[in-house]
Protein backbone atom coordinates (compact mmCIF):
# COMPACT_ATOMS: atom_id res chain seq x y z
CA MET A 1 -12.29 1.76 -15.93
CA HIS A 2 -10.81 -0.01 -19.06
CA ASP A 3 -11.93 -3.55 -19.21
CA SER A 4 -8.50 -5.06 -19.65
CA MET A 5 -7.88 -3.11 -16.13
CA ARG A 6 -10.82 -4.08 -14.58
CA SER A 7 -10.23 -7.93 -15.68
CA MET A 8 -6.64 -7.28 -13.96
CA VAL A 9 -8.56 -6.82 -10.67
CA VAL A 10 -10.72 -9.57 -11.11
CA LEU A 11 -7.92 -11.99 -11.75
CA VAL A 12 -5.86 -10.97 -8.67
CA CYS A 13 -8.68 -11.52 -6.43
CA LEU A 14 -8.80 -15.26 -7.52
CA VAL A 15 -5.41 -15.57 -5.51
CA GLY A 16 -6.07 -13.49 -2.35
CA ALA A 17 -8.12 -10.60 -0.56
CA CYS A 18 -8.99 -7.89 -2.86
CA ALA A 19 -11.05 -4.68 -2.82
CA PHE A 20 -12.00 -2.29 -5.53
CA ASP A 21 -13.46 1.11 -4.99
CA ASP A 22 -13.32 4.58 -5.98
CA PRO A 23 -11.70 6.60 -3.01
CA GLU A 24 -10.08 9.83 -2.75
CA LEU A 25 -6.30 9.89 -3.66
CA GLU A 26 -4.23 10.32 -0.59
CA THR A 27 -1.79 13.00 -0.70
CA GLY A 28 -0.25 12.72 2.87
CA THR A 29 2.60 9.84 3.49
CA SER A 30 2.27 7.82 6.75
CA GLN A 31 5.47 6.96 8.45
CA GLN A 32 5.16 3.60 9.87
CA ALA A 33 7.66 1.09 10.97
CA SER A 34 5.68 -1.75 8.90
CA THR A 35 4.63 0.37 6.17
CA THR A 36 6.21 1.50 2.91
CA VAL A 37 4.77 4.02 0.56
CA THR A 38 6.15 4.90 -2.94
CA ARG A 39 4.67 7.52 -5.18
CA ILE A 40 5.60 7.05 -8.63
CA LYS A 41 4.94 10.22 -10.92
CA VAL A 42 4.28 9.74 -14.37
CA ASN A 43 4.14 12.49 -17.12
CA GLY A 44 4.33 10.89 -20.56
CA ARG A 45 4.07 7.36 -21.55
CA PHE A 46 3.47 3.98 -19.87
CA ALA A 47 2.72 0.54 -20.19
CA ASP A 48 1.03 -2.24 -18.46
CA VAL A 49 0.39 -6.08 -18.63
CA GLN A 50 -1.70 -8.49 -17.03
CA LEU A 51 1.06 -11.18 -15.97
CA ASP A 52 -0.32 -14.57 -16.83
CA GLU A 53 1.29 -18.00 -17.22
CA GLY A 54 -1.56 -19.89 -17.81
CA ASP A 55 -2.95 -21.45 -14.57
CA SER A 56 0.06 -21.36 -12.45
CA THR A 57 1.12 -17.50 -12.00
CA ASN A 58 -0.79 -14.24 -12.52
CA GLY A 59 -0.49 -10.62 -11.34
CA PHE A 60 0.18 -7.15 -13.02
CA LEU A 61 3.13 -4.90 -13.79
CA THR A 62 3.44 -1.22 -14.88
CA ALA A 63 6.36 0.51 -15.97
CA SER A 64 6.12 4.47 -16.70
CA LYS A 65 8.23 7.36 -17.64
CA ASP A 66 8.11 10.84 -15.77
CA GLN A 67 9.67 13.25 -18.59
CA ILE A 68 9.59 16.38 -16.14
CA ALA A 69 11.91 14.53 -13.67
CA ASN A 70 13.46 12.23 -16.17
CA THR A 71 12.90 9.15 -14.27
CA THR A 72 11.38 5.74 -14.96
CA GLY A 73 9.25 3.69 -12.49
CA LEU A 74 8.18 0.26 -12.09
CA ASP A 75 5.42 -1.51 -9.92
CA PHE A 76 4.51 -5.15 -10.05
CA GLY A 77 2.60 -7.96 -7.95
CA TYR A 78 2.33 -11.91 -8.92
CA ALA A 79 1.37 -14.76 -7.34
CA GLU A 80 2.96 -18.07 -7.89
CA PRO A 81 2.48 -21.59 -6.48
CA HIS A 82 4.86 -22.85 -3.84
CA PRO A 83 7.10 -25.45 -5.12
CA THR A 84 6.38 -28.25 -2.79
CA ASP A 85 3.02 -27.40 -0.95
CA PRO A 86 0.06 -26.72 -3.13
CA ASP A 87 -2.14 -25.24 -0.24
CA ILE A 88 0.44 -22.24 -0.40
CA ALA A 89 0.64 -19.28 -2.85
CA VAL A 90 3.81 -17.04 -3.10
CA ILE A 91 3.10 -13.47 -3.71
CA LEU A 92 5.90 -11.28 -4.82
CA GLN A 93 5.69 -7.38 -5.04
CA GLY A 94 7.87 -4.45 -5.55
CA ALA A 95 7.73 -0.99 -6.31
CA GLY A 96 10.29 1.62 -7.21
CA GLN A 97 12.97 3.44 -9.63
CA ILE A 98 14.43 1.73 -12.35
CA PRO A 99 17.41 2.89 -14.96
CA ASN A 100 15.82 5.05 -17.88
CA GLY A 101 17.51 2.98 -20.41
CA SER A 102 15.84 -0.38 -19.26
CA PHE A 103 12.18 0.96 -20.58
CA SER A 104 11.45 2.23 -23.89
CA VAL A 105 7.79 2.99 -25.06
CA ASN A 106 5.89 4.72 -27.68
CA GLY A 107 2.51 4.72 -28.85
CA GLN A 108 3.30 1.70 -31.08
CA ALA A 109 5.48 -0.49 -28.89
CA ALA A 110 7.33 -0.85 -25.38
CA ALA A 111 10.14 -2.95 -24.23
CA LEU A 112 11.30 -3.44 -20.71
CA HIS A 113 14.77 -5.25 -19.90
CA VAL A 114 15.70 -4.91 -16.16
CA THR A 115 16.67 -6.72 -12.92
CA THR A 116 15.19 -4.95 -10.04
CA ALA A 117 17.43 -3.14 -7.41
CA PHE A 118 14.77 -1.97 -5.00
CA PRO A 119 13.42 -4.19 -2.22
CA ILE A 120 11.16 -6.93 -3.19
CA SER A 121 8.47 -8.32 -0.75
CA ARG A 122 7.73 -12.18 -0.68
CA CYS A 123 4.89 -13.68 1.22
CA GLU A 124 3.75 -17.35 1.62
CA VAL A 125 -0.18 -17.34 2.02
CA ASN A 126 -1.79 -20.48 3.14
CA GLN A 127 -4.88 -20.68 1.21
CA ILE A 128 -6.54 -22.89 3.75
CA THR A 129 -5.72 -20.92 7.26
CA GLY A 130 -4.90 -17.63 5.85
CA GLU A 131 -1.96 -17.62 7.57
CA SER A 132 1.21 -15.56 5.93
CA VAL A 133 4.66 -15.37 6.50
CA CYS A 134 6.39 -12.36 4.79
CA GLY A 135 9.95 -11.39 4.12
CA ALA A 136 12.60 -10.10 1.93
CA GLY A 137 12.76 -11.53 -1.80
CA ALA A 138 15.60 -11.95 -4.43
CA ALA A 139 15.83 -9.49 -7.44
CA ILE A 140 13.83 -10.27 -10.15
CA ARG A 141 14.71 -10.16 -14.12
CA PHE A 142 12.06 -8.89 -16.57
CA ASP A 143 12.15 -9.12 -20.25
CA LEU A 144 9.06 -8.10 -21.56
CA SER A 145 7.75 -6.57 -25.19
CA TRP A 146 4.61 -4.76 -25.93
CA VAL A 147 2.85 -4.46 -29.26
CA ASN A 148 0.06 -2.41 -30.20
CA ASN A 149 -2.89 -4.87 -31.57
CA HIS A 150 -4.80 -1.95 -32.83
CA PHE A 151 -7.86 -3.46 -31.37
CA ASP A 152 -8.89 -0.67 -28.86
CA GLU A 153 -8.07 3.02 -28.32
CA THR A 154 -9.40 4.84 -25.72
CA GLN A 155 -9.31 8.06 -23.78
CA GLU A 156 -10.38 8.44 -20.03
CA GLN A 157 -10.26 9.84 -16.81
CA THR A 158 -10.07 7.41 -13.88
CA ARG A 159 -9.53 6.90 -9.98
CA SER A 160 -9.02 3.57 -8.71
CA ARG A 161 -7.86 1.51 -5.80
CA ARG A 162 -6.42 -2.27 -6.32
CA VAL A 163 -5.27 -4.55 -3.41
CA PHE A 164 -3.05 -7.55 -4.09
CA GLY A 165 -1.83 -9.35 -1.02
CA THR A 166 0.01 -6.67 0.96
CA VAL A 167 0.06 -3.97 -1.77
CA THR A 168 -2.28 -1.18 -2.23
CA THR A 169 -1.80 0.58 -5.46
CA ARG A 170 -3.88 4.14 -5.87
CA PHE A 171 -4.48 5.48 -9.24
CA GLU A 172 -5.65 8.88 -10.57
CA GLY A 173 -5.63 10.47 -14.10
CA GLU A 174 -6.53 11.12 -17.56
CA PHE A 175 -4.84 9.21 -20.19
CA LYS A 176 -5.20 7.76 -23.56
CA LEU A 177 -4.82 3.99 -23.75
CA ARG A 178 -3.85 1.52 -26.70
CA SER A 179 -4.47 -2.08 -26.35
CA ALA A 180 -1.45 -4.42 -26.66
CA ILE A 181 -0.02 -7.93 -26.93
CA VAL A 182 2.54 -8.40 -24.56
CA GLY A 183 5.35 -11.48 -24.54
CA GLY A 184 8.40 -12.33 -22.44
CA THR A 185 9.71 -13.70 -19.69
CA TRP A 186 10.19 -12.70 -15.82
CA THR A 187 12.24 -15.18 -13.41
CA GLY A 188 11.04 -18.42 -13.69
CA HIS A 189 8.17 -17.69 -15.91
CA THR A 190 7.33 -17.06 -19.46
CA GLY A 191 3.91 -15.39 -20.88
CA ASP A 192 2.87 -15.24 -24.31
CA ASN A 193 -0.11 -13.47 -25.77
CA MET A 194 -0.65 -11.54 -22.55
CA THR A 195 -3.07 -8.77 -22.09
CA GLY A 196 -1.48 -5.33 -21.96
CA ASP A 197 -1.91 -1.30 -22.86
CA LEU A 198 0.18 1.20 -24.21
CA LEU A 199 -0.74 4.47 -22.33
CA GLN A 200 0.14 8.30 -22.50
CA THR A 201 -0.88 11.05 -20.03
CA MET A 202 -2.69 13.82 -21.40
CA ASN A 203 -0.28 16.77 -20.71
CA THR A 204 -0.44 16.47 -17.01
CA THR A 205 1.19 14.52 -14.34
CA ILE A 206 -0.48 11.61 -12.75
CA THR A 207 0.41 9.88 -9.63
CA ARG A 208 0.52 5.87 -8.81
CA GLU A 209 0.78 5.36 -4.91
CA ILE A 210 2.03 2.02 -4.03
CA THR A 211 1.63 1.22 -0.24
CA MET A 212 3.21 -1.89 0.94
CA GLU A 213 2.61 -3.37 4.32
CA ALA A 214 4.91 -5.72 6.07
CA SER A 215 2.27 -8.25 6.33
CA PRO A 216 -1.58 -8.76 5.43
C-alpha cells in the first residue's frame, strides 16, 4: 500500500480502535438491523485526503467517479474533540452518492463542493472508559481542492481493510496514483497542506465497501 494511505491508517489508530490486514474482499451483503453496507464502484478517477487540522481533528475522505454508471460517491470519517469534555472524542462518518457536479477530478487537480444528503453517524466515545453513544449527525459541508505536487507517481494493485470507529472500509483494485496537496474546509474545520492523492483505475471497475455499525 502507498505510504500516504498507510499513514492515514496509523493516524486514525491514535483516535480509536484500529485494525489493518489483507483479507479477501467480501461480495455478499449482510442484512442486519444495526448494519449498513455501502458499495461504491469506481471506474475512472478518484481522490483521497488525510483530513488533518493539527492536533485537534483527523480522519480520511475519498471522493470518486464511476464513468460506467455515471455516478459519484463520497465516504469519510474523522474524529474531533468534544466541545466541553476533553475525555470524549466525537467521531463523524458517512458514505453514499453525491451529485455528479459536486466533484471534478483529472490527473492534475480535483475539487469537491458538496453538502451531504446521505445519513451521517455521530458517536461520542469516552477515551477513558471506552463507552460510546451513537446517533444521527447533521449534514456536513465539504469544500476541498487537490493539486498535484509532482512528488510521487505510483502504479499498484492492493487489497486493504481500514477500521475507523464503527466503520470498516474494504478496498481492492489496481490504480495509478499521483501525490497531491489538499486544502479547504469542512463544517467547523480548516485544513492546509493536507496529504492527498489523485488516482485513476486501470481500465477496470474497483469497489470500495463501507460497513457501518450502529455502535462499536
